[in-house]
């Protein structure tokens, strides 16, 4: 095999690998979805570039594309970041995780309905939303996930998570230097990245 053929062969393999490794994306009702590994479920990827949702948004339990029904199992990182016109969100019961910064900066987002199926929430997922800003100081829950400790934590604080808590979000106790102990129930199945950082 001459050099030209060797180079052509290697390039063909690289291109084939890139195509198979790239995520399949499609749109349903103006929302982008990305097919997960295994091609059986999808992640909400957000809206098309330059498009921002307003009003109410419902994340369905499943979407159909190409004649195939896909359960919606997650909301991706930064999926709806900075969608200031978004007022409320209802998340379907099939969703188990919400990515980091998913709704960060959605200043008009005042109502969030999170099902009990959600066990993982990435750090700062609701940072800067009206929903979070309107919560009282102390430990804020998003569904059954301990989402974030709001306000300055007093020194010598002990936290006992509620029975039935399913997860601790990423960065939930970030910079809580007053925390001396945490009691975590057996129901917790996930602890997010940086949950106890600093």
N, C-alpha and C. Protein backbone atom coordinates (compact mmCIF):
# COMPACT_ATOMS: atom_id res chain seq x y z
N UNK A 1 0.86 -1.18 0.00
CA UNK A 1 0.00 0.00 0.00
C UNK A 1 0.90 1.23 0.00
N UNK A 2 0.67 2.13 -0.96
CA UNK A 2 1.52 3.32 -1.02
C UNK A 2 1.10 4.34 0.03
N UNK A 3 1.90 5.38 0.18
CA UNK A 3 1.67 6.38 1.22
C UNK A 3 0.32 7.06 1.07
N UNK A 4 -0.06 7.37 -0.16
CA UNK A 4 -1.35 8.04 -0.39
C UNK A 4 -2.50 7.17 0.11
N UNK A 5 -2.47 5.88 -0.21
CA UNK A 5 -3.52 4.98 0.21
C UNK A 5 -3.54 4.81 1.73
N UNK A 6 -2.34 4.77 2.34
CA UNK A 6 -2.28 4.65 3.80
C UNK A 6 -2.92 5.86 4.46
N UNK A 7 -2.59 7.05 3.96
CA UNK A 7 -3.15 8.28 4.53
C UNK A 7 -4.67 8.31 4.33
N UNK A 8 -5.12 7.93 3.12
CA UNK A 8 -6.56 7.90 2.84
C UNK A 8 -7.28 6.92 3.76
N UNK A 9 -6.68 5.77 4.00
CA UNK A 9 -7.26 4.75 4.86
C UNK A 9 -7.39 5.26 6.30
N UNK A 10 -6.33 5.88 6.81
CA UNK A 10 -6.34 6.42 8.18
C UNK A 10 -7.38 7.53 8.31
N UNK A 11 -7.45 8.42 7.32
CA UNK A 11 -8.45 9.50 7.36
C UNK A 11 -9.87 8.94 7.35
N UNK A 12 -10.10 7.91 6.55
CA UNK A 12 -11.43 7.31 6.50
C UNK A 12 -11.83 6.74 7.86
N UNK A 13 -10.89 6.10 8.54
CA UNK A 13 -11.17 5.55 9.88
C UNK A 13 -11.46 6.67 10.87
N UNK A 14 -10.66 7.73 10.83
CA UNK A 14 -10.87 8.86 11.75
C UNK A 14 -12.23 9.51 11.53
N UNK A 15 -12.61 9.70 10.27
CA UNK A 15 -13.90 10.32 9.97
C UNK A 15 -15.04 9.43 10.45
N UNK A 16 -14.92 8.13 10.21
CA UNK A 16 -15.96 7.19 10.66
C UNK A 16 -16.11 7.22 12.17
N UNK A 17 -14.98 7.29 12.89
CA UNK A 17 -15.03 7.36 14.36
C UNK A 17 -15.67 8.64 14.84
N UNK A 18 -15.36 9.75 14.18
CA UNK A 18 -15.95 11.04 14.57
C UNK A 18 -17.46 11.03 14.35
N UNK A 19 -17.90 10.45 13.24
CA UNK A 19 -19.33 10.42 12.96
C UNK A 19 -20.05 9.56 13.99
N UNK A 20 -19.49 8.40 14.32
CA UNK A 20 -20.17 7.51 15.27
C UNK A 20 -20.13 8.07 16.68
N UNK A 21 -19.11 8.89 17.01
CA UNK A 21 -18.99 9.44 18.36
C UNK A 21 -19.83 10.69 18.57
N UNK A 22 -20.24 11.35 17.46
CA UNK A 22 -20.99 12.59 17.61
C UNK A 22 -22.42 12.28 18.06
N UNK A 23 -22.95 13.16 18.88
CA UNK A 23 -24.30 12.96 19.41
C UNK A 23 -25.34 13.27 18.34
N UNK A 24 -26.40 12.48 18.34
CA UNK A 24 -27.52 12.73 17.45
C UNK A 24 -28.43 13.73 18.14
N UNK A 25 -28.73 14.82 17.46
CA UNK A 25 -29.63 15.83 18.02
C UNK A 25 -30.83 16.01 17.11
N UNK A 26 -31.96 16.36 17.71
CA UNK A 26 -33.16 16.65 16.94
C UNK A 26 -34.01 17.65 17.71
N UNK A 27 -35.00 18.20 17.02
CA UNK A 27 -35.89 19.21 17.62
C UNK A 27 -37.31 18.67 17.71
N UNK A 28 -37.96 18.93 18.82
CA UNK A 28 -39.38 18.65 18.99
C UNK A 28 -39.99 19.86 19.69
N UNK A 29 -41.00 20.45 19.08
CA UNK A 29 -41.67 21.64 19.63
C UNK A 29 -40.68 22.75 19.98
N UNK A 30 -39.69 22.92 19.14
CA UNK A 30 -38.72 24.00 19.32
C UNK A 30 -37.65 23.76 20.35
N UNK A 31 -37.61 22.57 20.97
CA UNK A 31 -36.60 22.24 21.98
C UNK A 31 -35.64 21.22 21.39
N UNK A 32 -34.33 21.43 21.64
CA UNK A 32 -33.31 20.50 21.15
C UNK A 32 -33.13 19.36 22.15
N UNK A 33 -33.03 18.15 21.60
CA UNK A 33 -32.77 16.95 22.39
C UNK A 33 -31.54 16.26 21.84
N UNK A 34 -30.77 15.64 22.72
CA UNK A 34 -29.58 14.90 22.34
C UNK A 34 -29.76 13.46 22.78
N UNK A 35 -29.56 12.53 21.83
CA UNK A 35 -29.72 11.10 22.13
C UNK A 35 -28.53 10.64 22.96
N UNK A 36 -28.82 9.95 24.07
CA UNK A 36 -27.78 9.46 24.98
C UNK A 36 -27.14 8.18 24.46
N UNK A 37 -26.03 7.79 25.07
CA UNK A 37 -25.38 6.53 24.72
C UNK A 37 -26.38 5.39 24.85
N UNK A 38 -26.33 4.49 23.93
CA UNK A 38 -27.28 3.38 23.93
C UNK A 38 -28.49 3.67 23.06
N UNK A 39 -28.65 4.94 22.66
CA UNK A 39 -29.73 5.36 21.76
C UNK A 39 -31.13 5.02 22.26
N UNK A 40 -31.32 5.02 23.59
CA UNK A 40 -32.65 4.68 24.11
C UNK A 40 -33.29 5.82 24.89
N UNK A 41 -32.51 6.82 25.31
CA UNK A 41 -33.04 7.95 26.07
C UNK A 41 -32.45 9.25 25.51
N UNK A 42 -33.03 10.38 25.95
CA UNK A 42 -32.52 11.67 25.49
C UNK A 42 -32.31 12.64 26.65
N UNK A 43 -31.44 13.61 26.39
CA UNK A 43 -31.18 14.72 27.29
C UNK A 43 -31.70 15.99 26.64
N UNK A 44 -32.33 16.86 27.43
CA UNK A 44 -32.76 18.16 26.91
C UNK A 44 -31.49 19.00 26.74
N UNK A 45 -31.23 19.41 25.51
CA UNK A 45 -30.03 20.20 25.23
C UNK A 45 -30.31 21.70 25.27
N UNK A 46 -31.58 22.10 25.19
CA UNK A 46 -31.94 23.51 25.26
C UNK A 46 -32.67 23.96 24.02
N UNK A 47 -32.57 25.24 23.75
CA UNK A 47 -33.21 25.82 22.57
C UNK A 47 -32.15 26.08 21.51
N UNK A 48 -32.56 26.28 20.26
CA UNK A 48 -31.57 26.60 19.23
C UNK A 48 -30.83 27.87 19.58
N UNK A 49 -29.62 27.99 19.10
CA UNK A 49 -28.80 29.16 19.37
C UNK A 49 -29.56 30.43 18.99
N UNK A 50 -29.55 31.39 19.88
CA UNK A 50 -30.22 32.66 19.62
C UNK A 50 -31.69 32.68 19.98
N UNK A 51 -32.24 31.53 20.36
CA UNK A 51 -33.66 31.44 20.71
C UNK A 51 -33.79 31.27 22.22
N UNK A 52 -34.67 32.03 22.83
CA UNK A 52 -34.88 31.96 24.28
C UNK A 52 -36.35 31.73 24.57
N UNK A 53 -36.68 30.72 25.38
CA UNK A 53 -38.08 30.47 25.71
C UNK A 53 -38.64 31.53 26.64
N UNK A 54 -39.94 31.74 26.55
CA UNK A 54 -40.62 32.66 27.46
C UNK A 54 -41.85 31.96 28.02
N UNK A 55 -42.36 32.50 29.12
CA UNK A 55 -43.57 31.94 29.71
C UNK A 55 -43.32 30.60 30.37
N UNK A 56 -44.24 29.66 30.15
CA UNK A 56 -44.18 28.35 30.79
C UNK A 56 -43.48 27.34 29.89
N UNK A 57 -42.66 26.48 30.50
CA UNK A 57 -41.97 25.41 29.78
C UNK A 57 -42.28 24.09 30.47
N UNK A 58 -42.72 23.10 29.68
CA UNK A 58 -42.92 21.76 30.20
C UNK A 58 -41.89 20.84 29.58
N UNK A 59 -41.13 20.15 30.42
CA UNK A 59 -40.21 19.12 29.96
C UNK A 59 -41.01 17.82 29.97
N UNK A 60 -41.30 17.24 28.80
CA UNK A 60 -42.16 16.06 28.75
C UNK A 60 -41.45 14.80 29.26
N UNK A 61 -42.23 13.78 29.54
CA UNK A 61 -41.65 12.50 29.97
C UNK A 61 -41.00 11.77 28.81
N UNK A 62 -41.52 12.00 27.60
CA UNK A 62 -40.93 11.37 26.41
C UNK A 62 -41.18 12.24 25.18
N UNK A 63 -40.36 12.05 24.16
CA UNK A 63 -40.53 12.72 22.87
C UNK A 63 -40.38 11.67 21.77
N UNK A 64 -41.06 11.91 20.65
CA UNK A 64 -40.99 10.98 19.52
C UNK A 64 -40.30 11.65 18.35
N UNK A 65 -39.34 10.93 17.79
CA UNK A 65 -38.60 11.42 16.63
C UNK A 65 -38.27 10.24 15.72
N UNK A 66 -38.53 10.39 14.46
CA UNK A 66 -38.25 9.32 13.51
C UNK A 66 -39.00 8.05 13.83
N UNK A 67 -40.19 8.19 14.41
CA UNK A 67 -40.99 7.03 14.75
C UNK A 67 -40.58 6.31 16.02
N UNK A 68 -39.58 6.86 16.72
CA UNK A 68 -39.09 6.25 17.96
C UNK A 68 -39.44 7.15 19.14
N UNK A 69 -39.97 6.55 20.20
CA UNK A 69 -40.28 7.29 21.43
C UNK A 69 -39.10 7.18 22.39
N UNK A 70 -38.59 8.33 22.83
CA UNK A 70 -37.44 8.38 23.73
C UNK A 70 -37.86 8.94 25.08
N UNK A 71 -37.62 8.24 26.19
CA UNK A 71 -37.82 8.84 27.50
C UNK A 71 -36.82 10.00 27.71
N UNK A 72 -37.29 11.08 28.29
CA UNK A 72 -36.42 12.22 28.60
C UNK A 72 -35.88 12.01 30.01
N UNK A 73 -34.58 11.74 30.12
CA UNK A 73 -34.02 11.37 31.42
C UNK A 73 -33.18 12.45 32.09
N UNK A 74 -32.81 13.49 31.34
CA UNK A 74 -31.97 14.52 31.96
C UNK A 74 -32.12 15.86 31.25
N UNK A 75 -31.73 16.90 31.97
CA UNK A 75 -31.65 18.26 31.41
C UNK A 75 -30.17 18.62 31.43
N UNK A 76 -29.62 18.95 30.28
CA UNK A 76 -28.19 19.14 30.13
C UNK A 76 -27.66 20.41 30.78
N UNK A 77 -26.33 20.45 30.89
CA UNK A 77 -25.65 21.64 31.44
C UNK A 77 -25.99 22.86 30.59
N UNK A 78 -26.32 23.95 31.27
CA UNK A 78 -26.61 25.24 30.64
C UNK A 78 -27.73 25.19 29.62
N UNK A 79 -28.60 24.19 29.69
CA UNK A 79 -29.65 24.02 28.69
C UNK A 79 -30.51 25.26 28.51
N UNK A 80 -30.87 25.91 29.60
CA UNK A 80 -31.73 27.10 29.52
C UNK A 80 -31.09 28.30 30.22
N UNK A 81 -29.79 28.29 30.33
CA UNK A 81 -29.07 29.37 31.00
C UNK A 81 -29.40 30.73 30.39
N UNK A 82 -29.66 31.69 31.26
CA UNK A 82 -29.92 33.09 30.87
C UNK A 82 -31.19 33.29 30.05
N UNK A 83 -32.16 32.40 30.17
CA UNK A 83 -33.47 32.59 29.53
C UNK A 83 -34.33 33.44 30.46
N UNK A 84 -34.12 34.74 30.42
CA UNK A 84 -34.74 35.64 31.40
C UNK A 84 -36.25 35.72 31.28
N UNK A 85 -36.83 35.36 30.13
CA UNK A 85 -38.27 35.42 29.95
C UNK A 85 -38.99 34.17 30.41
N UNK A 86 -38.25 33.17 30.84
CA UNK A 86 -38.85 31.93 31.32
C UNK A 86 -39.47 32.19 32.70
N UNK A 87 -40.78 31.88 32.84
CA UNK A 87 -41.49 32.21 34.08
C UNK A 87 -41.73 30.99 34.96
N UNK A 88 -41.95 29.83 34.35
CA UNK A 88 -42.22 28.63 35.13
C UNK A 88 -41.80 27.40 34.34
N UNK A 89 -41.45 26.35 35.09
CA UNK A 89 -41.00 25.09 34.49
C UNK A 89 -41.65 23.94 35.22
N UNK A 90 -42.18 23.00 34.43
CA UNK A 90 -42.68 21.73 34.98
C UNK A 90 -41.85 20.63 34.35
N UNK A 91 -41.23 19.81 35.18
CA UNK A 91 -40.33 18.76 34.71
C UNK A 91 -41.03 17.40 34.82
N UNK A 92 -40.98 16.63 33.74
CA UNK A 92 -41.64 15.33 33.68
C UNK A 92 -41.04 14.30 34.62
N UNK A 93 -41.84 13.30 34.97
CA UNK A 93 -41.46 12.28 35.95
C UNK A 93 -40.36 11.33 35.48
N UNK A 94 -39.97 11.39 34.23
CA UNK A 94 -38.91 10.51 33.74
C UNK A 94 -37.52 11.09 33.98
N UNK A 95 -37.45 12.37 34.29
CA UNK A 95 -36.15 13.06 34.45
C UNK A 95 -35.53 12.69 35.79
N UNK A 96 -34.27 12.26 35.74
CA UNK A 96 -33.57 11.90 36.98
C UNK A 96 -32.43 12.86 37.32
N UNK A 97 -31.98 13.66 36.34
CA UNK A 97 -30.88 14.59 36.64
C UNK A 97 -31.05 15.91 35.92
N UNK A 98 -30.59 16.96 36.60
CA UNK A 98 -30.60 18.32 36.06
C UNK A 98 -29.15 18.79 36.08
N UNK A 99 -28.65 19.19 34.94
CA UNK A 99 -27.24 19.54 34.81
C UNK A 99 -26.85 20.86 35.44
N UNK A 100 -25.56 21.01 35.60
CA UNK A 100 -24.97 22.22 36.17
C UNK A 100 -25.39 23.44 35.33
N UNK A 101 -25.77 24.51 36.01
CA UNK A 101 -26.15 25.79 35.40
C UNK A 101 -27.34 25.67 34.45
N UNK A 102 -28.15 24.63 34.58
CA UNK A 102 -29.24 24.39 33.63
C UNK A 102 -30.19 25.58 33.49
N UNK A 103 -30.51 26.24 34.60
CA UNK A 103 -31.43 27.38 34.57
C UNK A 103 -30.77 28.64 35.15
N UNK A 104 -29.46 28.65 35.24
CA UNK A 104 -28.74 29.80 35.81
C UNK A 104 -29.10 31.08 35.07
N UNK A 105 -29.36 32.13 35.82
CA UNK A 105 -29.61 33.44 35.23
C UNK A 105 -31.00 33.61 34.64
N UNK A 106 -31.90 32.65 34.88
CA UNK A 106 -33.29 32.80 34.42
C UNK A 106 -34.02 33.65 35.46
N UNK A 107 -33.80 34.95 35.39
CA UNK A 107 -34.24 35.84 36.46
C UNK A 107 -35.75 35.87 36.64
N UNK A 108 -36.51 35.56 35.60
CA UNK A 108 -37.97 35.57 35.70
C UNK A 108 -38.56 34.24 36.14
N UNK A 109 -37.72 33.23 36.31
CA UNK A 109 -38.21 31.89 36.65
C UNK A 109 -38.61 31.84 38.12
N UNK A 110 -39.93 31.92 38.36
CA UNK A 110 -40.44 32.01 39.73
C UNK A 110 -41.04 30.70 40.24
N UNK A 111 -41.41 29.80 39.33
CA UNK A 111 -42.06 28.56 39.73
C UNK A 111 -41.35 27.37 39.07
N UNK A 112 -40.96 26.40 39.89
CA UNK A 112 -40.27 25.21 39.40
C UNK A 112 -40.94 23.99 40.02
N UNK A 113 -41.43 23.09 39.17
CA UNK A 113 -42.03 21.84 39.63
C UNK A 113 -41.07 20.70 39.30
N UNK A 114 -40.50 20.11 40.36
CA UNK A 114 -39.49 19.06 40.20
C UNK A 114 -40.06 17.75 40.73
N UNK A 115 -40.09 16.71 39.89
CA UNK A 115 -40.67 15.43 40.34
C UNK A 115 -39.74 14.68 41.29
N UNK A 116 -40.31 13.70 41.98
CA UNK A 116 -39.52 12.88 42.90
C UNK A 116 -38.50 11.99 42.19
N UNK A 117 -38.63 11.88 40.87
CA UNK A 117 -37.68 11.06 40.10
C UNK A 117 -36.29 11.70 40.03
N UNK A 118 -36.20 13.02 40.27
CA UNK A 118 -34.91 13.71 40.19
C UNK A 118 -34.07 13.38 41.43
N UNK A 119 -32.89 12.81 41.19
CA UNK A 119 -31.98 12.45 42.28
C UNK A 119 -30.67 13.20 42.21
N UNK A 120 -30.38 13.83 41.06
CA UNK A 120 -29.11 14.54 40.88
C UNK A 120 -29.37 15.93 40.31
N UNK A 121 -28.72 16.90 40.92
CA UNK A 121 -28.78 18.28 40.42
C UNK A 121 -27.37 18.85 40.45
N UNK A 122 -26.94 19.35 39.31
CA UNK A 122 -25.61 19.95 39.22
C UNK A 122 -25.55 21.28 39.93
N UNK A 123 -24.34 21.68 40.29
CA UNK A 123 -24.13 22.93 41.00
C UNK A 123 -24.68 24.14 40.26
N UNK A 124 -25.26 25.05 41.01
CA UNK A 124 -25.73 26.34 40.53
C UNK A 124 -26.82 26.20 39.46
N UNK A 125 -27.53 25.08 39.44
CA UNK A 125 -28.56 24.85 38.41
C UNK A 125 -29.63 25.93 38.40
N UNK A 126 -29.97 26.49 39.57
CA UNK A 126 -31.02 27.50 39.66
C UNK A 126 -30.48 28.84 40.16
N UNK A 127 -29.19 29.05 40.03
CA UNK A 127 -28.56 30.28 40.52
C UNK A 127 -29.12 31.50 39.77
N UNK A 128 -29.52 32.51 40.52
CA UNK A 128 -30.01 33.75 39.92
C UNK A 128 -31.46 33.71 39.46
N UNK A 129 -32.18 32.63 39.78
CA UNK A 129 -33.60 32.57 39.42
C UNK A 129 -34.45 33.21 40.52
N UNK A 130 -35.62 33.68 40.13
CA UNK A 130 -36.54 34.24 41.13
C UNK A 130 -36.95 33.15 42.12
N UNK A 131 -37.09 31.91 41.62
CA UNK A 131 -37.47 30.80 42.50
C UNK A 131 -36.48 30.67 43.65
N UNK A 132 -35.18 30.65 43.34
CA UNK A 132 -34.18 30.50 44.39
C UNK A 132 -34.10 31.76 45.25
N UNK A 133 -34.10 32.91 44.62
CA UNK A 133 -33.98 34.16 45.37
C UNK A 133 -35.12 34.36 46.36
N UNK A 134 -36.29 33.80 46.07
CA UNK A 134 -37.45 33.95 46.96
C UNK A 134 -37.49 32.92 48.09
N UNK A 135 -36.56 31.99 48.10
CA UNK A 135 -36.52 30.98 49.16
C UNK A 135 -35.97 31.62 50.44
N UNK A 136 -36.44 31.17 51.61
CA UNK A 136 -35.87 31.69 52.87
C UNK A 136 -34.44 31.18 53.05
N UNK A 137 -33.67 31.89 53.86
CA UNK A 137 -32.32 31.44 54.16
C UNK A 137 -32.35 30.09 54.85
N UNK A 138 -31.29 29.33 54.66
CA UNK A 138 -31.20 27.99 55.19
C UNK A 138 -31.09 26.99 54.05
N UNK A 139 -31.31 25.73 54.34
CA UNK A 139 -31.17 24.69 53.32
C UNK A 139 -32.40 24.68 52.41
N UNK A 140 -32.15 24.88 51.13
CA UNK A 140 -33.21 24.91 50.12
C UNK A 140 -33.25 23.55 49.43
N UNK A 141 -34.45 23.00 49.34
CA UNK A 141 -34.66 21.73 48.63
C UNK A 141 -35.25 22.01 47.25
N UNK A 142 -34.83 21.22 46.27
CA UNK A 142 -35.42 21.22 44.94
C UNK A 142 -35.98 19.82 44.76
N UNK A 143 -37.28 19.67 44.96
CA UNK A 143 -37.86 18.33 44.99
C UNK A 143 -37.31 17.59 46.20
N UNK A 144 -36.76 16.39 45.98
CA UNK A 144 -36.19 15.59 47.08
C UNK A 144 -34.67 15.71 47.15
N UNK A 145 -34.13 16.75 46.50
CA UNK A 145 -32.68 16.96 46.51
C UNK A 145 -32.34 18.18 47.37
N UNK A 146 -31.37 18.01 48.28
CA UNK A 146 -30.87 19.14 49.06
C UNK A 146 -30.06 20.00 48.09
N UNK A 147 -30.66 21.10 47.65
CA UNK A 147 -30.08 21.88 46.54
C UNK A 147 -28.96 22.83 46.97
N UNK A 148 -29.22 23.70 47.95
CA UNK A 148 -28.22 24.71 48.29
C UNK A 148 -28.52 25.30 49.66
N UNK A 149 -27.46 25.53 50.42
CA UNK A 149 -27.62 26.28 51.67
C UNK A 149 -27.55 27.75 51.31
N UNK A 150 -28.64 28.49 51.62
CA UNK A 150 -28.72 29.90 51.26
C UNK A 150 -28.42 30.78 52.46
N UNK A 151 -27.64 31.81 52.22
CA UNK A 151 -27.28 32.74 53.28
C UNK A 151 -26.00 32.33 53.98
N UNK A 152 -25.60 33.11 54.96
CA UNK A 152 -24.36 32.84 55.72
C UNK A 152 -24.67 31.82 56.81
N UNK A 153 -23.93 30.74 56.78
CA UNK A 153 -24.14 29.68 57.77
C UNK A 153 -23.44 30.06 59.08
N UNK A 154 -24.16 30.01 60.21
CA UNK A 154 -23.54 30.29 61.50
C UNK A 154 -22.50 29.23 61.85
N UNK A 155 -21.48 29.61 62.58
CA UNK A 155 -20.48 28.63 63.00
C UNK A 155 -21.11 27.61 63.93
N UNK A 156 -20.61 26.38 63.87
CA UNK A 156 -21.11 25.31 64.71
C UNK A 156 -22.43 24.72 64.24
N UNK A 157 -22.76 24.90 62.96
CA UNK A 157 -24.03 24.40 62.43
C UNK A 157 -23.98 22.90 62.17
N UNK A 158 -25.02 22.20 62.61
CA UNK A 158 -25.21 20.78 62.28
C UNK A 158 -26.44 20.67 61.40
N UNK A 159 -26.32 19.93 60.31
CA UNK A 159 -27.43 19.74 59.38
C UNK A 159 -27.89 18.30 59.43
N UNK A 160 -29.19 18.11 59.53
CA UNK A 160 -29.79 16.78 59.44
C UNK A 160 -30.71 16.81 58.22
N UNK A 161 -30.34 16.07 57.18
CA UNK A 161 -31.15 16.04 55.97
C UNK A 161 -32.46 15.31 56.24
N UNK A 162 -33.52 15.76 55.58
CA UNK A 162 -34.84 15.16 55.77
C UNK A 162 -34.84 13.71 55.32
N UNK A 163 -35.60 12.88 56.03
CA UNK A 163 -35.80 11.50 55.60
C UNK A 163 -36.44 11.53 54.21
N UNK A 164 -35.98 10.66 53.33
CA UNK A 164 -36.50 10.62 51.97
C UNK A 164 -35.71 11.46 50.99
N UNK A 165 -34.73 12.23 51.50
CA UNK A 165 -33.86 12.99 50.60
C UNK A 165 -33.14 12.02 49.67
N UNK A 166 -33.17 12.32 48.37
CA UNK A 166 -32.56 11.41 47.39
C UNK A 166 -31.16 11.82 46.95
N UNK A 167 -30.84 13.10 47.07
CA UNK A 167 -29.53 13.53 46.61
C UNK A 167 -29.10 14.83 47.26
N UNK A 168 -27.81 15.10 47.15
CA UNK A 168 -27.23 16.38 47.57
C UNK A 168 -26.64 16.99 46.30
N UNK A 169 -27.10 18.16 45.94
CA UNK A 169 -26.69 18.79 44.69
C UNK A 169 -25.23 19.19 44.71
N UNK A 170 -24.67 19.33 43.54
CA UNK A 170 -23.32 19.87 43.42
C UNK A 170 -23.25 21.25 44.06
N UNK A 171 -22.19 21.51 44.82
CA UNK A 171 -21.96 22.80 45.49
C UNK A 171 -23.04 23.16 46.51
N UNK A 172 -23.78 22.17 47.01
CA UNK A 172 -24.89 22.44 47.94
C UNK A 172 -24.43 23.18 49.19
N UNK A 173 -23.27 22.81 49.73
CA UNK A 173 -22.76 23.44 50.95
C UNK A 173 -21.46 24.18 50.66
N UNK A 174 -21.32 24.67 49.44
CA UNK A 174 -20.12 25.40 49.02
C UNK A 174 -19.85 26.56 49.97
N UNK A 175 -18.62 26.64 50.46
CA UNK A 175 -18.16 27.74 51.30
C UNK A 175 -18.91 27.85 52.63
N UNK A 176 -19.51 26.76 53.09
CA UNK A 176 -20.21 26.76 54.38
C UNK A 176 -19.21 26.40 55.48
N UNK A 177 -18.35 27.37 55.81
CA UNK A 177 -17.28 27.08 56.77
C UNK A 177 -17.78 26.95 58.20
N UNK A 178 -19.07 27.23 58.44
CA UNK A 178 -19.63 27.03 59.77
C UNK A 178 -20.17 25.63 59.99
N UNK A 179 -20.13 24.80 58.95
CA UNK A 179 -20.70 23.45 59.05
C UNK A 179 -19.78 22.53 59.84
N UNK A 180 -20.32 21.92 60.88
CA UNK A 180 -19.50 21.00 61.69
C UNK A 180 -19.93 19.55 61.54
N UNK A 181 -21.20 19.29 61.17
CA UNK A 181 -21.63 17.91 60.96
C UNK A 181 -22.84 17.85 60.04
N UNK A 182 -22.94 16.74 59.32
CA UNK A 182 -24.07 16.50 58.42
C UNK A 182 -24.55 15.07 58.65
N UNK A 183 -25.85 14.90 58.85
CA UNK A 183 -26.44 13.57 58.96
C UNK A 183 -27.19 13.29 57.67
N UNK A 184 -26.75 12.24 56.96
CA UNK A 184 -27.30 11.91 55.65
C UNK A 184 -28.10 10.61 55.76
N UNK A 185 -29.38 10.64 55.38
CA UNK A 185 -30.20 9.42 55.48
C UNK A 185 -29.82 8.39 54.42
N UNK A 186 -30.21 7.15 54.64
CA UNK A 186 -29.91 6.06 53.72
C UNK A 186 -30.57 6.22 52.36
N UNK A 187 -31.56 7.09 52.27
CA UNK A 187 -32.26 7.29 51.00
C UNK A 187 -31.42 8.04 49.97
N UNK A 188 -30.36 8.70 50.40
CA UNK A 188 -29.51 9.47 49.48
C UNK A 188 -28.70 8.53 48.59
N UNK A 189 -28.83 8.75 47.27
CA UNK A 189 -28.10 7.90 46.32
C UNK A 189 -27.02 8.66 45.56
N UNK A 190 -27.01 9.99 45.67
CA UNK A 190 -25.98 10.75 44.95
C UNK A 190 -25.58 12.00 45.72
N UNK A 191 -24.29 12.30 45.62
CA UNK A 191 -23.74 13.55 46.18
C UNK A 191 -22.97 14.22 45.06
N UNK A 192 -23.39 15.42 44.70
CA UNK A 192 -22.81 16.11 43.56
C UNK A 192 -21.40 16.63 43.77
N UNK A 193 -20.74 16.93 42.67
CA UNK A 193 -19.37 17.45 42.69
C UNK A 193 -19.30 18.74 43.48
N UNK A 194 -18.30 18.86 44.34
CA UNK A 194 -18.09 20.08 45.11
C UNK A 194 -19.15 20.35 46.15
N UNK A 195 -19.92 19.32 46.55
CA UNK A 195 -21.03 19.52 47.48
C UNK A 195 -20.57 20.14 48.79
N UNK A 196 -19.36 19.79 49.24
CA UNK A 196 -18.84 20.31 50.52
C UNK A 196 -17.55 21.11 50.30
N UNK A 197 -17.40 21.66 49.11
CA UNK A 197 -16.16 22.40 48.79
C UNK A 197 -16.02 23.64 49.69
N UNK A 198 -14.81 23.83 50.17
CA UNK A 198 -14.48 24.92 51.10
C UNK A 198 -15.28 24.86 52.38
